[in-house]
Amino acid sequence: MIALDSWRVPGYETKIKVSMPLPNEDLSGLGSFTLDGEEGVKPAIVNVITKIKFDESDELEALVTKAKALDENGARIIYTITSDVTGAYKIRKGKFHGEVSATPDDEQHLWIVQFKLKEQLSTGERVQQQIDGTAAENSTAQATSGHTNIVNAFAEVTGP
């Protein structure tokens, strides 16, 4: 089972697959070393496949409505994701990403529905925000009025 903002994704025989890219760059050069350059943890992708019966088209319509929903700024809505596997990956927020498809299966009288959610505000992003916030708190602003101060000092001087 998977839920978005406490709304249970419709269907049955739901399968959830999470992939989390861990990219790196080959730094071995011409030697035989196996050196890699780590490039951080990228946002995870949650792949969902579920089946919705033809006579429950209102559930498919509700899912499509969720996928197309926009906030007041015209961006896709970020949902709180709840499922066992996303919890294990510490994925809390995500938005629809890529394609939402519904393939009819006439023999079983159902749609096979597939969609992806891309992680938003990942652990890596939150850590970076904390680092950026700490750096901003610990930094000292540079003087920006130095030139003005010198010009004013010359203006105040009297003499030939």
Protein backbone atom coordinates (compact mmCIF):
# COMPACT_ATOMS: atom_id res chain seq x y z
CA MET A 1 0.00 0.00 0.00
CA ILE A 2 1.08 3.55 -0.71
CA ALA A 3 -0.59 6.81 0.30
CA LEU A 4 -0.11 10.42 -0.81
CA ASP A 5 -1.07 12.96 1.85
CA SER A 6 -3.13 10.22 3.60
CA TRP A 7 -4.96 9.46 0.30
CA ARG A 8 -4.60 5.77 -0.44
CA VAL A 9 -3.48 5.14 -4.01
CA PRO A 10 -6.26 3.06 -5.58
CA GLY A 11 -5.90 -0.41 -7.02
CA TYR A 12 -4.73 -3.81 -5.94
CA GLU A 13 -1.65 -5.99 -6.37
CA THR A 14 0.29 -2.75 -6.01
CA LYS A 15 4.03 -3.05 -6.46
CA ILE A 16 6.43 -0.34 -5.31
CA LYS A 17 10.04 -0.17 -6.43
CA VAL A 18 12.46 2.46 -5.17
CA SER A 19 15.69 3.30 -6.96
CA MET A 20 18.28 5.61 -5.47
CA PRO A 21 21.07 6.75 -7.80
CA LEU A 22 24.55 6.79 -6.29
CA PRO A 23 26.58 8.24 -9.18
CA ASN A 24 30.34 8.29 -9.30
CA GLU A 25 33.00 9.15 -11.82
CA ASP A 26 35.76 6.80 -12.92
CA LEU A 27 39.06 8.37 -11.89
CA SER A 28 41.32 5.42 -12.70
CA GLY A 29 42.92 7.11 -15.73
CA LEU A 30 45.39 4.92 -17.58
CA GLY A 31 46.39 2.84 -14.56
CA SER A 32 44.76 -0.25 -13.17
CA PHE A 33 43.49 1.46 -10.02
CA THR A 34 39.77 1.43 -9.25
CA LEU A 35 39.46 5.00 -8.09
CA ASP A 36 36.00 6.60 -8.08
CA GLY A 37 34.90 10.16 -7.44
CA GLU A 38 31.73 10.19 -5.36
CA GLU A 39 29.03 12.54 -6.67
CA GLY A 40 26.60 12.44 -3.75
CA VAL A 41 23.24 10.81 -3.21
CA LYS A 42 20.69 11.88 -5.81
CA PRO A 43 16.91 12.00 -5.25
CA ALA A 44 15.24 8.61 -5.24
CA ILE A 45 12.57 7.56 -7.73
CA VAL A 46 9.53 5.63 -6.53
CA ASN A 47 8.01 3.44 -9.27
CA VAL A 48 4.43 2.33 -8.65
CA ILE A 49 2.46 -0.29 -10.60
CA THR A 50 -1.12 -1.05 -9.63
CA LYS A 51 -4.24 -2.54 -11.18
CA ILE A 52 -7.58 -0.72 -11.33
CA LYS A 53 -10.73 -2.44 -12.57
CA PHE A 54 -12.58 -0.96 -15.55
CA ASP A 55 -15.73 -0.49 -13.45
CA GLU A 56 -13.73 1.64 -10.95
CA SER A 57 -12.82 4.35 -13.46
CA ASP A 58 -13.52 7.04 -10.85
CA GLU A 59 -10.46 5.80 -8.93
CA LEU A 60 -8.30 6.10 -12.04
CA GLU A 61 -9.70 9.58 -12.60
CA ALA A 62 -8.84 10.57 -9.01
CA LEU A 63 -5.26 9.34 -9.49
CA VAL A 64 -4.87 11.30 -12.74
CA THR A 65 -6.28 14.40 -11.00
CA LYS A 66 -3.65 14.04 -8.25
CA ALA A 67 -0.91 13.66 -10.85
CA LYS A 68 -1.96 16.81 -12.72
CA ALA A 69 -2.60 18.95 -9.62
CA LEU A 70 -0.70 22.25 -9.39
CA ASP A 71 -0.07 24.58 -6.48
CA GLU A 72 -0.77 28.33 -6.49
CA ASN A 73 2.54 28.96 -8.31
CA GLY A 74 1.81 26.51 -11.12
CA ALA A 75 4.23 23.82 -9.90
CA ARG A 76 3.26 20.19 -9.37
CA ILE A 77 2.13 19.46 -5.84
CA ILE A 78 4.60 17.84 -3.47
CA TYR A 79 2.93 15.02 -1.53
CA THR A 80 3.83 13.30 1.71
CA ILE A 81 4.49 9.68 0.73
CA THR A 82 3.62 6.85 3.10
CA SER A 83 4.59 3.22 2.48
CA ASP A 84 6.83 0.62 4.07
CA VAL A 85 9.52 0.74 1.39
CA THR A 86 9.66 4.54 1.13
CA GLY A 87 9.88 4.66 4.92
CA ALA A 88 12.89 2.33 4.81
CA TYR A 89 14.59 4.70 2.35
CA LYS A 90 13.60 7.71 4.48
CA ILE A 91 11.63 9.19 1.58
CA ARG A 92 9.01 11.55 2.98
CA LYS A 93 8.08 13.90 0.15
CA GLY A 94 7.71 13.50 -3.59
CA LYS A 95 5.92 14.68 -6.68
CA PHE A 96 4.75 12.97 -9.85
CA HIS A 97 7.61 12.62 -12.30
CA GLY A 98 7.75 11.50 -15.89
CA GLU A 99 4.86 9.52 -17.32
CA VAL A 100 1.58 8.31 -15.79
CA SER A 101 0.21 5.49 -17.92
CA ALA A 102 -2.86 3.25 -17.87
CA THR A 103 -2.66 0.22 -20.16
CA PRO A 104 -5.94 -1.68 -20.66
CA ASP A 105 -6.00 -5.43 -20.07
CA ASP A 106 -9.22 -6.53 -21.81
CA GLU A 107 -8.99 -10.13 -20.61
CA GLN A 108 -8.97 -9.15 -16.94
CA HIS A 109 -11.13 -6.01 -17.46
CA LEU A 110 -8.66 -3.68 -15.79
CA TRP A 111 -6.00 -1.04 -16.33
CA ILE A 112 -2.40 -1.60 -15.41
CA VAL A 113 -1.43 1.80 -14.06
CA GLN A 114 2.18 2.92 -13.76
CA PHE A 115 3.64 6.15 -12.44
CA LYS A 116 6.75 7.56 -10.80
CA LEU A 117 7.29 9.89 -7.89
CA LYS A 118 10.55 11.81 -7.56
CA GLU A 119 11.82 12.47 -4.07
CA GLN A 120 11.69 16.10 -2.97
CA LEU A 121 13.47 17.63 0.02
CA SER A 122 15.66 14.54 0.30
CA THR A 123 17.92 13.90 3.26
CA GLY A 124 20.86 15.15 1.18
CA GLU A 125 19.00 18.37 0.34
CA ARG A 126 18.04 18.93 3.98
CA VAL A 127 21.65 18.37 5.11
CA GLN A 128 22.89 20.83 2.45
CA GLN A 129 20.30 23.40 3.56
CA GLN A 130 21.53 23.04 7.14
CA ILE A 131 25.15 23.42 6.01
CA ASP A 132 24.25 26.49 3.93
CA GLY A 133 22.32 27.97 6.86
CA THR A 134 25.19 27.36 9.28
CA ALA A 135 27.66 28.86 6.82
CA ALA A 136 25.50 31.96 6.45
CA GLU A 137 25.21 32.33 10.23
CA ASN A 138 28.99 31.97 10.71
CA SER A 139 30.06 34.30 7.90
CA THR A 140 30.84 37.99 8.22
CA ALA A 141 29.45 40.39 5.67
CA GLN A 142 32.05 42.28 3.67
CA ALA A 143 32.13 46.03 3.84
CA THR A 144 30.24 47.50 0.93
CA SER A 145 30.47 51.19 1.84
CA GLY A 146 34.27 51.57 1.82
CA HIS A 147 34.39 53.73 -1.31
CA THR A 148 31.58 55.95 -0.06
CA ASN A 149 33.38 56.46 3.27
CA ILE A 150 36.58 57.54 1.53
CA VAL A 151 34.73 59.99 -0.75
CA ASN A 152 32.96 61.50 2.27
CA ALA A 153 36.25 61.82 4.17
CA PHE A 154 37.80 63.78 1.27
CA ALA A 155 34.72 66.01 1.09
CA GLU A 156 35.05 66.93 4.76
CA VAL A 157 38.70 67.98 4.43
CA THR A 158 39.26 71.71 4.12
CA GLY A 159 42.26 73.21 2.55
CA PRO A 160 43.80 74.30 -0.70
